[in-house]
Amino acid sequence: MFPTLTLSKAYKLEVQVFERTESLFMTAWIPITFTNLVLIYLIVITCEKELLSIKKTITAALLSFPIIYIALYPKDIYEVFDFLPLTNAFVLGLAFIYMPIIILVELI
C-alpha cells in the first residue's frame, strides 16, 4: 500500500544504530508530509481570497473546510476507491455547471 515504507523495511543498515530502518524513515516522512499539507492548504486559502475577493482569511478557510472534511471521510484505501465515482461526479458537476456560472458572473 505504501511503497516507500515497504522499501524502508527492506533496506538494512550495516550499523545497528536503529533496530529497524522504518523508524528513521518515519521521523523524516511525517513532518515533511504535514508541512506539505499545510502549505497546500495555505495556497488554497490564498487562491480563494484572490478569486472571490474575500478580505478575511478565516472566511476563506471556512469555505474550504467542507472539502477537507470530505477528503478525511474514507477510513482506508478501499473506501477511497469506493468513494471515487461520487467524487468524479462531483468534479464533473463543478466543471460543467459551476464554472460557467462563475465565468458569466465575471463577464457581467
C-alpha atoms as a PDB file:
ATOM      1  CA  MET A   1       0.000   0.000   0.000  1.00  0.00           C
ATOM      2  CA  PHE A   2       2.840   2.409   0.849  1.00  0.00           C
ATOM      3  CA  PRO A   3       5.770   1.510  -1.409  1.00  0.00           C
ATOM      4  CA  THR A   4       8.267   3.859   0.210  1.00  0.00           C
ATOM      5  CA  LEU A   5       7.589   2.418   3.667  1.00  0.00           C
ATOM      6  CA  THR A   6       7.913  -1.114   2.273  1.00  0.00           C
ATOM      7  CA  LEU A   7      11.219  -0.153   0.700  1.00  0.00           C
ATOM      8  CA  SER A   8      12.469   1.244   4.006  1.00  0.00           C
ATOM      9  CA  LYS A   9      11.596  -2.060   5.695  1.00  0.00           C
ATOM     10  CA  ALA A  10      13.572  -3.989   3.090  1.00  0.00           C
ATOM     11  CA  TYR A  11      16.697  -1.823   3.423  1.00  0.00           C
ATOM     12  CA  LYS A  12      19.192  -2.971   6.053  1.00  0.00           C
ATOM     13  CA  LEU A  13      21.870  -0.765   7.594  1.00  0.00           C
ATOM     14  CA  GLU A  14      25.251  -2.278   8.398  1.00  0.00           C
ATOM     15  CA  VAL A  15      25.472  -0.408  11.690  1.00  0.00           C
ATOM     16  CA  GLN A  16      22.867  -1.492  14.238  1.00  0.00           C
ATOM     17  CA  VAL A  17      22.082   2.033  15.419  1.00  0.00           C
ATOM     18  CA  PHE A  18      18.431   1.618  14.555  1.00  0.00           C
ATOM     19  CA  GLU A  19      16.673  -1.674  15.100  1.00  0.00           C
ATOM     20  CA  ARG A  20      14.514  -1.009  12.106  1.00  0.00           C
ATOM     21  CA  THR A  21      15.141   1.450   9.313  1.00  0.00           C
ATOM     22  CA  GLU A  22      11.478   2.424   9.098  1.00  0.00           C
ATOM     23  CA  SER A  23      11.697   4.380  12.360  1.00  0.00           C
ATOM     24  CA  LEU A  24      14.354   6.594  10.794  1.00  0.00           C
ATOM     25  CA  PHE A  25      12.226   6.953   7.685  1.00  0.00           C
ATOM     26  CA  MET A  26       9.073   7.857   9.628  1.00  0.00           C
ATOM     27  CA  THR A  27      10.930  10.505  11.637  1.00  0.00           C
ATOM     28  CA  ALA A  28      11.542  12.435   8.450  1.00  0.00           C
ATOM     29  CA  TRP A  29       8.443  11.468   6.490  1.00  0.00           C
ATOM     30  CA  ILE A  30       5.768  12.605   8.968  1.00  0.00           C
ATOM     31  CA  PRO A  31       6.992  16.234   9.359  1.00  0.00           C
ATOM     32  CA  ILE A  32       7.622  16.560   5.630  1.00  0.00           C
ATOM     33  CA  THR A  33       4.116  15.325   4.808  1.00  0.00           C
ATOM     34  CA  PHE A  34       2.496  17.590   7.404  1.00  0.00           C
ATOM     35  CA  THR A  35       4.454  20.594   6.131  1.00  0.00           C
ATOM     36  CA  ASN A  36       3.373  19.909   2.554  1.00  0.00           C
ATOM     37  CA  LEU A  37      -0.289  19.600   3.557  1.00  0.00           C
ATOM     38  CA  VAL A  38      -0.206  22.871   5.483  1.00  0.00           C
ATOM     39  CA  LEU A  39       1.476  24.619   2.551  1.00  0.00           C
ATOM     40  CA  ILE A  40      -1.153  23.314   0.122  1.00  0.00           C
ATOM     41  CA  TYR A  41      -3.926  24.439   2.486  1.00  0.00           C
ATOM     42  CA  LEU A  42      -2.374  27.913   2.679  1.00  0.00           C
ATOM     43  CA  ILE A  43      -2.191  28.101  -1.128  1.00  0.00           C
ATOM     44  CA  VAL A  44      -5.861  27.077  -1.410  1.00  0.00           C
ATOM     45  CA  ILE A  45      -6.916  29.747   1.085  1.00  0.00           C
ATOM     46  CA  THR A  46      -4.845  32.407  -0.670  1.00  0.00           C
ATOM     47  CA  CYS A  47      -6.334  31.496  -4.065  1.00  0.00           C
ATOM     48  CA  GLU A  48      -9.864  31.576  -2.631  1.00  0.00           C
ATOM     49  CA  LYS A  49      -9.227  35.036  -1.184  1.00  0.00           C
ATOM     50  CA  GLU A  50      -7.964  36.311  -4.538  1.00  0.00           C
ATOM     51  CA  LEU A  51     -10.655  34.706  -6.714  1.00  0.00           C
ATOM     52  CA  LEU A  52     -13.626  35.526  -4.505  1.00  0.00           C
ATOM     53  CA  SER A  53     -12.335  38.917  -3.266  1.00  0.00           C
ATOM     54  CA  ILE A  54     -12.567  37.884   0.354  1.00  0.00           C
ATOM     55  CA  LYS A  55     -10.917  40.185   2.876  1.00  0.00           C
ATOM     56  CA  LYS A  56     -10.626  37.874   5.911  1.00  0.00           C
ATOM     57  CA  THR A  57      -8.536  34.725   5.918  1.00  0.00           C
ATOM     58  CA  ILE A  58     -10.891  32.924   8.311  1.00  0.00           C
ATOM     59  CA  THR A  59     -13.765  33.217   5.827  1.00  0.00           C
ATOM     60  CA  ALA A  60     -11.727  31.598   3.079  1.00  0.00           C
ATOM     61  CA  ALA A  61     -10.584  28.888   5.492  1.00  0.00           C
ATOM     62  CA  LEU A  62     -14.174  28.113   6.454  1.00  0.00           C
ATOM     63  CA  LEU A  63     -15.146  27.899   2.777  1.00  0.00           C
ATOM     64  CA  SER A  64     -12.548  25.202   2.148  1.00  0.00           C
ATOM     65  CA  PHE A  65     -13.404  23.264   5.305  1.00  0.00           C
ATOM     66  CA  PRO A  66     -16.084  21.052   3.658  1.00  0.00           C
ATOM     67  CA  ILE A  67     -13.577  19.912   1.043  1.00  0.00           C
ATOM     68  CA  ILE A  68     -11.145  18.868   3.764  1.00  0.00           C
ATOM     69  CA  TYR A  69     -13.917  17.115   5.692  1.00  0.00           C
ATOM     70  CA  ILE A  70     -14.880  15.120   2.590  1.00  0.00           C
ATOM     71  CA  ALA A  71     -11.218  14.236   1.978  1.00  0.00           C
ATOM     72  CA  LEU A  72     -10.884  12.847   5.520  1.00  0.00           C
ATOM     73  CA  TYR A  73     -14.076  10.784   5.300  1.00  0.00           C
ATOM     74  CA  PRO A  74     -12.644   7.465   3.989  1.00  0.00           C
ATOM     75  CA  LYS A  75     -11.058   5.279   6.671  1.00  0.00           C
ATOM     76  CA  ASP A  76      -8.775   3.207   4.429  1.00  0.00           C
ATOM     77  CA  ILE A  77      -7.634   2.920   0.827  1.00  0.00           C
ATOM     78  CA  TYR A  78     -10.528   0.631  -0.125  1.00  0.00           C
ATOM     79  CA  GLU A  79     -13.090   3.208   0.948  1.00  0.00           C
ATOM     80  CA  VAL A  80     -11.213   5.785  -1.133  1.00  0.00           C
ATOM     81  CA  PHE A  81     -11.703   3.655  -4.243  1.00  0.00           C
ATOM     82  CA  ASP A  82     -15.392   3.128  -3.342  1.00  0.00           C
ATOM     83  CA  PHE A  83     -15.770   6.885  -2.848  1.00  0.00           C
ATOM     84  CA  LEU A  84     -14.067   7.740  -6.152  1.00  0.00           C
ATOM     85  CA  PRO A  85     -17.119   7.561  -8.511  1.00  0.00           C
ATOM     86  CA  LEU A  86     -19.035  10.002  -6.309  1.00  0.00           C
ATOM     87  CA  THR A  87     -16.044  12.345  -6.274  1.00  0.00           C
ATOM     88  CA  ASN A  88     -15.723  12.138 -10.061  1.00  0.00           C
ATOM     89  CA  ALA A  89     -19.401  13.012 -10.483  1.00  0.00           C
ATOM     90  CA  PHE A  90     -18.996  15.976  -8.129  1.00  0.00           C
ATOM     91  CA  VAL A  91     -15.958  17.300 -10.005  1.00  0.00           C
ATOM     92  CA  LEU A  92     -17.740  16.939 -13.354  1.00  0.00           C
ATOM     93  CA  GLY A  93     -20.687  18.825 -11.912  1.00  0.00           C
ATOM     94  CA  LEU A  94     -18.379  21.609 -10.808  1.00  0.00           C
ATOM     95  CA  ALA A  95     -16.659  21.736 -14.181  1.00  0.00           C
ATOM     96  CA  PHE A  96     -19.795  21.867 -16.321  1.00  0.00           C
ATOM     97  CA  ILE A  97     -22.251  23.710 -14.064  1.00  0.00           C
ATOM     98  CA  TYR A  98     -20.417  25.830 -11.517  1.00  0.00           C
ATOM     99  CA  MET A  99     -17.549  27.114 -13.655  1.00  0.00           C
ATOM    100  CA  PRO A 100     -19.734  28.518 -16.487  1.00  0.00           C
ATOM    101  CA  ILE A 101     -21.803  30.340 -13.880  1.00  0.00           C
ATOM    102  CA  ILE A 102     -18.660  31.899 -12.389  1.00  0.00           C
ATOM    103  CA  ILE A 103     -17.427  32.886 -15.843  1.00  0.00           C
ATOM    104  CA  LEU A 104     -20.772  34.519 -16.648  1.00  0.00           C
ATOM    105  CA  VAL A 105     -20.751  36.430 -13.371  1.00  0.00           C
ATOM    106  CA  GLU A 106     -17.221  37.666 -14.085  1.00  0.00           C
ATOM    107  CA  LEU A 107     -18.221  38.833 -17.568  1.00  0.00           C
ATOM    108  CA  ILE A 108     -21.197  40.806 -16.281  1.00  0.00           C
END
